[in-house]
């Protein structure tokens, strides 16, 4: 069973922005300060779930996790597939950095029809009411 990461997508207000960025076809590289200690589990089919406007609504599969440098100057590069997969919304409060997300706690993927039928504002309202 794969292990995932969850991270805030700071400065982004819509999933469409990520989809447009992924449209270039090139892998996306995310820089973080800390390297996950469980990187081998994550690279074995894990994804990075993006939290946008208080909810994780999409994910990108992780291709590679690399540590650059040593000691206090080291940093981590997480290479993501250039495709964005929409998921059922998962409400999350703000946090710093990234967190592990167990596969059993990860939201399910939406079909193409489900992902395009419901506006984000309506999905958020339904989540807040507990209907979704």
Protein backbone atom coordinates (compact mmCIF):
# COMPACT_ATOMS: atom_id res chain seq x y z
CA UNK A 1 0.00 0.00 0.00
CA UNK A 2 1.45 3.36 -1.05
CA UNK A 3 2.13 6.25 1.28
CA UNK A 4 1.21 9.75 0.10
CA UNK A 5 2.13 13.34 0.94
CA UNK A 6 -0.25 16.26 1.42
CA UNK A 7 0.88 19.87 0.98
CA UNK A 8 -0.67 23.34 0.80
CA UNK A 9 -0.70 24.89 -2.66
CA UNK A 10 0.10 28.44 -1.54
CA UNK A 11 -1.04 31.31 -3.74
CA UNK A 12 -3.27 29.15 -5.92
CA UNK A 13 -7.05 29.56 -5.78
CA UNK A 14 -8.23 27.05 -8.40
CA UNK A 15 -7.27 23.52 -9.46
CA UNK A 16 -7.40 24.72 -13.07
CA UNK A 17 -4.15 26.64 -12.46
CA UNK A 18 -2.37 23.37 -11.63
CA UNK A 19 -3.94 21.69 -14.66
CA UNK A 20 -2.74 24.50 -16.93
CA UNK A 21 0.76 24.27 -15.48
CA UNK A 22 0.76 20.49 -15.94
CA UNK A 23 -0.37 20.95 -19.56
CA UNK A 24 3.23 21.66 -20.59
CA UNK A 25 3.87 17.90 -20.39
CA UNK A 26 7.04 18.35 -18.34
CA UNK A 27 7.34 16.91 -14.84
CA UNK A 28 6.83 19.44 -12.05
CA UNK A 29 9.52 19.74 -9.38
CA UNK A 30 8.48 20.83 -5.89
CA UNK A 31 11.23 22.05 -3.56
CA UNK A 32 11.03 21.46 0.18
CA UNK A 33 13.53 21.84 2.98
CA UNK A 34 13.04 18.43 4.58
CA UNK A 35 13.34 15.06 2.83
CA UNK A 36 10.67 12.51 3.82
CA UNK A 37 12.24 9.71 5.88
CA UNK A 38 9.74 7.29 4.32
CA UNK A 39 10.67 8.28 0.74
CA UNK A 40 10.93 4.66 -0.46
CA UNK A 41 7.29 4.03 0.53
CA UNK A 42 6.16 7.23 -1.19
CA UNK A 43 8.03 6.48 -4.43
CA UNK A 44 6.25 3.11 -4.55
CA UNK A 45 3.05 4.54 -6.07
CA UNK A 46 2.47 7.56 -3.82
CA UNK A 47 1.01 10.92 -4.80
CA UNK A 48 1.20 14.51 -3.62
CA UNK A 49 -2.26 15.74 -2.63
CA UNK A 50 -2.66 19.52 -3.04
CA UNK A 51 -4.70 21.53 -0.51
CA UNK A 52 -6.33 24.51 -2.24
CA UNK A 53 -8.72 26.83 -0.40
CA UNK A 54 -9.04 24.55 2.62
CA UNK A 55 -9.56 21.23 0.82
CA UNK A 56 -7.42 18.63 -0.91
CA UNK A 57 -9.11 18.41 -4.29
CA UNK A 58 -6.46 16.90 -6.55
CA UNK A 59 -3.29 14.88 -6.60
CA UNK A 60 -0.22 14.35 -8.75
CA UNK A 61 1.64 11.02 -8.75
CA UNK A 62 5.21 11.23 -7.40
CA UNK A 63 7.94 10.05 -9.75
CA UNK A 64 11.06 10.69 -7.66
CA UNK A 65 12.31 12.16 -4.37
CA UNK A 66 15.88 13.47 -4.37
CA UNK A 67 17.97 15.13 -1.66
CA UNK A 68 20.43 17.76 -2.86
CA UNK A 69 23.32 18.99 -0.73
CA UNK A 70 24.30 17.98 2.78
CA UNK A 71 23.75 19.23 6.29
CA UNK A 72 21.98 22.54 6.87
CA UNK A 73 22.15 23.47 3.18
CA UNK A 74 20.38 20.33 1.96
CA UNK A 75 16.98 20.48 0.29
CA UNK A 76 14.58 18.02 -1.25
CA UNK A 77 13.18 17.91 -4.77
CA UNK A 78 9.94 16.01 -5.33
CA UNK A 79 9.33 15.26 -9.02
CA UNK A 80 5.66 14.96 -9.96
CA UNK A 81 3.94 13.56 -13.03
CA UNK A 82 2.61 16.29 -15.32
CA UNK A 83 -1.01 15.17 -14.88
CA UNK A 84 -3.46 16.38 -12.28
CA UNK A 85 -6.04 13.89 -10.99
CA UNK A 86 -9.07 15.40 -9.29
CA UNK A 87 -10.22 13.78 -6.06
CA UNK A 88 -13.20 13.95 -3.76
CA UNK A 89 -12.66 17.01 -1.54
CA UNK A 90 -10.94 16.40 1.80
CA UNK A 91 -11.14 19.36 4.21
CA UNK A 92 -7.80 20.35 5.76
CA UNK A 93 -6.74 23.18 8.03
CA UNK A 94 -3.59 25.16 7.19
CA UNK A 95 -0.24 23.61 8.15
CA UNK A 96 3.40 24.18 7.32
CA UNK A 97 5.42 21.99 4.99
CA UNK A 98 4.03 18.60 4.05
CA UNK A 99 2.45 15.73 5.97
CA UNK A 100 2.25 12.00 5.38
CA UNK A 101 -1.15 10.73 4.21
CA UNK A 102 -1.89 7.04 4.63
CA UNK A 103 -3.62 5.36 1.67
CA UNK A 104 -6.63 4.47 3.84
CA UNK A 105 -7.16 8.18 4.63
CA UNK A 106 -6.66 9.46 1.07
CA UNK A 107 -9.69 10.77 -0.84
CA UNK A 108 -10.95 8.76 -3.80
CA UNK A 109 -10.36 9.86 -7.39
CA UNK A 110 -13.25 11.44 -9.25
CA UNK A 111 -14.29 10.35 -12.72
CA UNK A 112 -14.01 12.93 -15.48
CA UNK A 113 -17.78 13.50 -15.37
CA UNK A 114 -17.79 13.99 -11.59
CA UNK A 115 -14.83 16.36 -11.73
CA UNK A 116 -16.40 18.69 -14.29
CA UNK A 117 -20.04 18.61 -13.19
CA UNK A 118 -19.77 20.33 -9.82
CA UNK A 119 -18.46 23.90 -9.37
CA UNK A 120 -15.85 24.27 -6.60
CA UNK A 121 -17.99 26.71 -4.58
CA UNK A 122 -20.90 24.28 -4.57
CA UNK A 123 -18.64 21.38 -3.58
CA UNK A 124 -17.27 23.47 -0.69
CA UNK A 125 -20.79 24.36 0.49
CA UNK A 126 -21.82 20.69 0.39
CA UNK A 127 -18.72 19.71 2.41
CA UNK A 128 -19.44 22.36 5.02
CA UNK A 129 -23.01 21.09 5.40
CA UNK A 130 -21.75 17.52 5.73
CA UNK A 131 -23.57 16.38 2.61
CA UNK A 132 -20.39 15.34 0.78
